[in-house]
Amino acid sequence: MPWYIWSLITAVFATVISSLLLLRDTADKMPIDPEKLERMQQRNAELAAKERAGNSDL
């Protein structure tokens, strides 16, 4: 392949990798209020208990 094709391929890979790294560095964790987190965990536990109770009927 000619040299300019190799340079184009290199430029494309560099662009994709740099974009992914930039996205990773700028991503922030979403803060969740401890009270809401506790309610979510309780709800998940209730749903898991309902699923286990429903599966035992089979």
N, C-alpha and C. Protein backbone atom coordinates (compact mmCIF):
# COMPACT_ATOMS: atom_id res chain seq x y z
N MET A 1 0.84 -1.18 0.00
CA MET A 1 0.00 0.00 0.00
C MET A 1 0.89 1.25 0.00
N PRO A 2 0.40 2.29 -0.60
CA PRO A 2 1.17 3.54 -0.62
C PRO A 2 1.28 4.15 0.79
N TRP A 3 2.25 5.03 0.95
CA TRP A 3 2.52 5.63 2.26
C TRP A 3 1.36 6.49 2.74
N TYR A 4 0.63 7.12 1.85
CA TYR A 4 -0.45 8.01 2.29
C TYR A 4 -1.64 7.23 2.82
N ILE A 5 -1.83 6.00 2.37
CA ILE A 5 -2.90 5.17 2.92
C ILE A 5 -2.56 4.80 4.36
N TRP A 6 -1.28 4.44 4.59
CA TRP A 6 -0.85 4.10 5.95
C TRP A 6 -0.98 5.30 6.88
N SER A 7 -0.66 6.48 6.37
CA SER A 7 -0.79 7.67 7.22
C SER A 7 -2.26 7.99 7.49
N LEU A 8 -3.13 7.74 6.53
CA LEU A 8 -4.56 7.95 6.73
C LEU A 8 -5.10 6.97 7.78
N ILE A 9 -4.71 5.71 7.68
CA ILE A 9 -5.14 4.70 8.66
C ILE A 9 -4.65 5.08 10.05
N THR A 10 -3.41 5.52 10.15
CA THR A 10 -2.85 5.94 11.44
C THR A 10 -3.62 7.14 12.00
N ALA A 11 -3.95 8.09 11.15
CA ALA A 11 -4.70 9.27 11.60
C ALA A 11 -6.09 8.89 12.09
N VAL A 12 -6.74 7.96 11.41
CA VAL A 12 -8.08 7.53 11.83
C VAL A 12 -8.01 6.84 13.19
N PHE A 13 -7.06 5.92 13.36
CA PHE A 13 -6.93 5.24 14.65
C PHE A 13 -6.58 6.22 15.76
N ALA A 14 -5.70 7.17 15.49
CA ALA A 14 -5.33 8.15 16.50
C ALA A 14 -6.54 9.01 16.89
N THR A 15 -7.36 9.36 15.93
CA THR A 15 -8.55 10.16 16.21
C THR A 15 -9.54 9.38 17.08
N VAL A 16 -9.76 8.13 16.75
CA VAL A 16 -10.71 7.32 17.52
C VAL A 16 -10.20 7.12 18.94
N ILE A 17 -8.94 6.77 19.08
CA ILE A 17 -8.38 6.51 20.41
C ILE A 17 -8.38 7.79 21.24
N SER A 18 -7.99 8.91 20.64
CA SER A 18 -7.97 10.15 21.42
C SER A 18 -9.38 10.57 21.82
N SER A 19 -10.36 10.32 20.97
CA SER A 19 -11.75 10.65 21.32
C SER A 19 -12.23 9.79 22.49
N LEU A 20 -11.89 8.51 22.47
CA LEU A 20 -12.29 7.63 23.57
C LEU A 20 -11.62 8.03 24.88
N LEU A 21 -10.35 8.39 24.81
CA LEU A 21 -9.64 8.81 26.02
C LEU A 21 -10.22 10.12 26.56
N LEU A 22 -10.56 11.03 25.68
CA LEU A 22 -11.16 12.29 26.11
C LEU A 22 -12.52 12.05 26.75
N LEU A 23 -13.30 11.16 26.18
CA LEU A 23 -14.60 10.83 26.74
C LEU A 23 -14.45 10.21 28.13
N ARG A 24 -13.47 9.33 28.30
CA ARG A 24 -13.24 8.70 29.59
C ARG A 24 -12.82 9.73 30.64
N ASP A 25 -11.98 10.68 30.24
CA ASP A 25 -11.48 11.66 31.20
C ASP A 25 -12.54 12.68 31.60
N THR A 26 -13.48 12.97 30.72
CA THR A 26 -14.48 13.99 31.02
C THR A 26 -15.75 13.41 31.62
N ALA A 27 -15.87 12.10 31.68
CA ALA A 27 -17.06 11.48 32.25
C ALA A 27 -17.04 11.64 33.76
N ASP A 28 -18.14 12.11 34.32
CA ASP A 28 -18.27 12.28 35.75
C ASP A 28 -19.22 11.23 36.30
N LYS A 29 -18.94 10.82 37.52
CA LYS A 29 -19.87 9.91 38.16
C LYS A 29 -21.10 10.69 38.58
N MET A 30 -22.24 10.04 38.48
CA MET A 30 -23.48 10.70 38.83
C MET A 30 -23.72 10.53 40.33
N PRO A 31 -23.66 11.62 41.08
CA PRO A 31 -23.87 11.50 42.52
C PRO A 31 -25.32 11.15 42.84
N ILE A 32 -25.49 10.19 43.72
CA ILE A 32 -26.83 9.78 44.13
C ILE A 32 -26.96 10.06 45.62
N ASP A 33 -28.06 10.67 45.98
CA ASP A 33 -28.34 10.97 47.38
C ASP A 33 -28.38 9.66 48.17
N PRO A 34 -27.74 9.59 49.33
CA PRO A 34 -27.74 8.34 50.11
C PRO A 34 -29.15 7.83 50.43
N GLU A 35 -30.08 8.75 50.65
CA GLU A 35 -31.46 8.34 50.93
C GLU A 35 -32.08 7.64 49.71
N LYS A 36 -31.86 8.20 48.53
CA LYS A 36 -32.40 7.59 47.31
C LYS A 36 -31.72 6.25 47.04
N LEU A 37 -30.43 6.17 47.32
CA LEU A 37 -29.70 4.92 47.12
C LEU A 37 -30.26 3.83 48.03
N GLU A 38 -30.57 4.19 49.27
CA GLU A 38 -31.14 3.21 50.20
C GLU A 38 -32.50 2.74 49.72
N ARG A 39 -33.33 3.67 49.23
CA ARG A 39 -34.65 3.27 48.71
C ARG A 39 -34.52 2.35 47.50
N MET A 40 -33.53 2.65 46.63
CA MET A 40 -33.31 1.80 45.46
C MET A 40 -32.90 0.40 45.88
N GLN A 41 -32.02 0.31 46.86
CA GLN A 41 -31.57 -1.00 47.33
C GLN A 41 -32.71 -1.78 47.97
N GLN A 42 -33.56 -1.10 48.74
CA GLN A 42 -34.72 -1.77 49.34
C GLN A 42 -35.67 -2.28 48.27
N ARG A 43 -35.92 -1.46 47.26
CA ARG A 43 -36.82 -1.86 46.18
C ARG A 43 -36.25 -3.06 45.42
N ASN A 44 -34.95 -3.05 45.15
CA ASN A 44 -34.32 -4.17 44.47
C ASN A 44 -34.41 -5.44 45.30
N ALA A 45 -34.26 -5.31 46.61
CA ALA A 45 -34.37 -6.48 47.49
C ALA A 45 -35.80 -7.02 47.47
N GLU A 46 -36.79 -6.11 47.47
CA GLU A 46 -38.19 -6.55 47.41
C GLU A 46 -38.48 -7.27 46.10
N LEU A 47 -38.00 -6.73 45.00
CA LEU A 47 -38.23 -7.37 43.70
C LEU A 47 -37.55 -8.73 43.63
N ALA A 48 -36.35 -8.83 44.18
CA ALA A 48 -35.64 -10.12 44.18
C ALA A 48 -36.40 -11.14 45.01
N ALA A 49 -36.96 -10.71 46.15
CA ALA A 49 -37.73 -11.62 46.98
C ALA A 49 -38.99 -12.08 46.26
N LYS A 50 -39.65 -11.16 45.54
CA LYS A 50 -40.85 -11.53 44.78
C LYS A 50 -40.52 -12.52 43.67
N GLU A 51 -39.38 -12.31 43.00
CA GLU A 51 -38.98 -13.23 41.94
C GLU A 51 -38.68 -14.61 42.49
N ARG A 52 -38.00 -14.65 43.63
CA ARG A 52 -37.69 -15.96 44.24
C ARG A 52 -38.97 -16.67 44.66
N ALA A 53 -39.92 -15.92 45.21
CA ALA A 53 -41.19 -16.52 45.62
C ALA A 53 -41.98 -16.99 44.41
N GLY A 54 -41.92 -16.25 43.33
CA GLY A 54 -42.63 -16.63 42.12
C GLY A 54 -42.01 -17.83 41.44
N ASN A 55 -40.70 -17.99 41.49
CA ASN A 55 -40.02 -19.11 40.86
C ASN A 55 -40.22 -20.40 41.63
N SER A 56 -40.48 -20.32 42.92
CA SER A 56 -40.66 -21.56 43.70
C SER A 56 -42.00 -22.22 43.40
N ASP A 57 -42.94 -21.47 42.80
CA ASP A 57 -44.24 -22.04 42.45
C ASP A 57 -44.16 -22.98 41.27
N LEU A 58 -43.10 -22.87 40.48
CA LEU A 58 -42.99 -23.71 39.28
C LEU A 58 -42.76 -25.08 39.69
